[in-house]
N, C-alpha and C. Protein backbone atom coordinates (compact mmCIF):
# COMPACT_ATOMS: atom_id res chain seq x y z
N UNK A 1 19.62 -61.99 -14.64
CA UNK A 1 18.68 -61.67 -15.21
C UNK A 1 19.00 -59.86 -14.71
N UNK A 2 18.71 -59.33 -16.35
CA UNK A 2 18.49 -57.91 -15.63
C UNK A 2 17.25 -57.49 -15.57
N UNK A 3 17.50 -56.25 -15.55
CA UNK A 3 15.67 -55.67 -14.02
C UNK A 3 15.60 -54.75 -16.16
N UNK A 4 14.45 -54.41 -15.79
CA UNK A 4 13.68 -53.70 -17.40
C UNK A 4 12.90 -52.65 -16.66
N UNK A 5 12.94 -51.62 -17.83
CA UNK A 5 12.36 -50.67 -16.86
C UNK A 5 11.63 -50.39 -18.15
N UNK A 6 10.49 -50.03 -18.51
CA UNK A 6 9.20 -49.49 -19.42
C UNK A 6 8.55 -48.80 -19.56
N UNK A 7 8.79 -47.31 -20.16
CA UNK A 7 8.93 -45.88 -19.31
C UNK A 7 7.66 -45.81 -20.89
N UNK A 8 6.17 -45.75 -20.83
CA UNK A 8 5.05 -45.48 -21.07
C UNK A 8 4.82 -43.65 -21.42
N UNK A 9 5.22 -42.81 -22.74
CA UNK A 9 5.34 -41.83 -23.14
C UNK A 9 6.11 -41.36 -22.94
N UNK A 10 6.61 -40.57 -24.48
CA UNK A 10 7.48 -40.06 -25.09
C UNK A 10 7.73 -38.33 -25.64
N UNK A 11 6.66 -37.97 -24.13
CA UNK A 11 7.38 -36.55 -24.13
C UNK A 11 8.22 -36.12 -23.36
N UNK A 12 8.03 -34.93 -22.77
CA UNK A 12 9.72 -34.40 -22.02
C UNK A 12 9.76 -35.57 -21.04
N UNK A 13 8.68 -35.84 -20.64
CA UNK A 13 9.20 -36.90 -18.64
C UNK A 13 9.09 -38.12 -18.39
N UNK A 14 8.76 -38.77 -19.86
CA UNK A 14 9.56 -40.28 -19.57
C UNK A 14 10.70 -40.94 -20.09
N UNK A 15 11.36 -40.29 -21.48
CA UNK A 15 12.83 -39.83 -22.09
C UNK A 15 13.84 -39.21 -20.51
N UNK A 16 13.48 -38.15 -20.03
CA UNK A 16 14.42 -38.37 -18.57
C UNK A 16 14.21 -38.92 -17.95
N UNK A 17 12.94 -39.65 -17.44
CA UNK A 17 13.66 -40.61 -16.78
C UNK A 17 13.68 -42.06 -16.91
N UNK A 18 13.71 -42.40 -17.88
CA UNK A 18 15.04 -43.05 -18.78
C UNK A 18 15.68 -42.74 -18.20
N UNK A 19 16.44 -41.27 -19.00
CA UNK A 19 17.52 -41.27 -18.46
C UNK A 19 18.35 -41.27 -16.90
N UNK A 20 17.93 -41.06 -15.89
CA UNK A 20 18.25 -40.99 -14.47
C UNK A 20 18.06 -42.33 -14.14
N UNK A 21 16.47 -43.16 -14.29
CA UNK A 21 17.37 -44.76 -14.55
C UNK A 21 18.72 -45.29 -14.56
N UNK A 22 18.56 -45.03 -15.97
CA UNK A 22 20.12 -45.68 -15.98
C UNK A 22 21.04 -45.03 -15.69
N UNK A 23 21.53 -43.79 -15.29
CA UNK A 23 22.23 -43.37 -14.44
C UNK A 23 22.67 -44.06 -13.11
N UNK A 24 21.44 -44.48 -12.54
CA UNK A 24 21.33 -45.19 -11.41
C UNK A 24 21.45 -45.95 -11.05
N UNK A 25 21.26 -46.90 -12.65
CA UNK A 25 21.32 -47.94 -12.95
C UNK A 25 22.12 -48.68 -14.49
N UNK A 26 22.98 -48.18 -14.30
CA UNK A 26 24.10 -48.74 -15.94
C UNK A 26 23.19 -50.11 -16.83
N UNK A 27 23.14 -51.22 -16.13
CA UNK A 27 22.47 -52.74 -16.30
C UNK A 27 20.95 -52.73 -16.36
N UNK A 28 20.06 -51.56 -16.25
CA UNK A 28 19.15 -51.43 -16.56
C UNK A 28 18.60 -52.01 -18.30
N UNK A 29 17.87 -52.62 -18.71
CA UNK A 29 17.28 -52.34 -20.11
C UNK A 29 16.17 -51.65 -19.63
N UNK A 30 16.10 -50.10 -20.54
CA UNK A 30 14.90 -49.19 -21.36
C UNK A 30 13.81 -49.40 -22.06
N UNK A 31 12.70 -49.53 -22.69
CA UNK A 31 11.68 -49.66 -23.33
C UNK A 31 10.95 -48.52 -23.36
N UNK A 32 11.01 -47.68 -24.52
CA UNK A 32 9.90 -46.30 -24.43
C UNK A 32 8.85 -46.27 -24.94
N UNK A 33 7.73 -46.57 -24.46
CA UNK A 33 7.18 -46.72 -25.84
C UNK A 33 6.40 -45.42 -25.86
N UNK A 34 5.82 -45.43 -27.33
CA UNK A 34 5.57 -43.62 -27.73
C UNK A 34 4.93 -43.93 -28.83
N UNK A 35 3.05 -43.63 -28.63
CA UNK A 35 2.17 -44.11 -30.10
C UNK A 35 2.51 -43.35 -30.99
N UNK A 36 2.67 -41.84 -30.37
CA UNK A 36 3.18 -41.08 -31.80
C UNK A 36 4.74 -40.96 -32.37
N UNK A 37 4.68 -39.94 -33.45
CA UNK A 37 5.77 -40.90 -34.50
C UNK A 37 7.65 -40.01 -33.66
N UNK A 38 7.46 -39.39 -32.39
CA UNK A 38 8.38 -38.07 -32.17
C UNK A 38 8.45 -38.99 -30.97
N UNK A 39 9.89 -38.80 -30.06
CA UNK A 39 10.22 -39.16 -29.13
C UNK A 39 11.05 -37.62 -28.28
N UNK A 40 10.93 -37.50 -27.99
CA UNK A 40 11.12 -35.57 -27.48
C UNK A 40 12.50 -35.92 -25.64
N UNK A 41 13.42 -35.33 -26.23
CA UNK A 41 14.37 -35.67 -24.98
C UNK A 41 15.24 -33.90 -25.24
N UNK A 42 15.79 -33.63 -24.41
CA UNK A 42 16.64 -32.90 -24.14
C UNK A 42 18.21 -32.44 -23.29
N UNK A 43 18.72 -32.54 -23.35
CA UNK A 43 20.13 -32.94 -22.12
C UNK A 43 20.49 -32.02 -21.54
């Protein structure tokens, strides 16, 4: 069974944390929940 991560918030910190988690565990299933219309991320 694959591990899952749910990130609450699509501001600068949420997607950054999700990207870092995927770098550490490529098989991780990541879901980002954001109440607003846009999700923010810059590489």
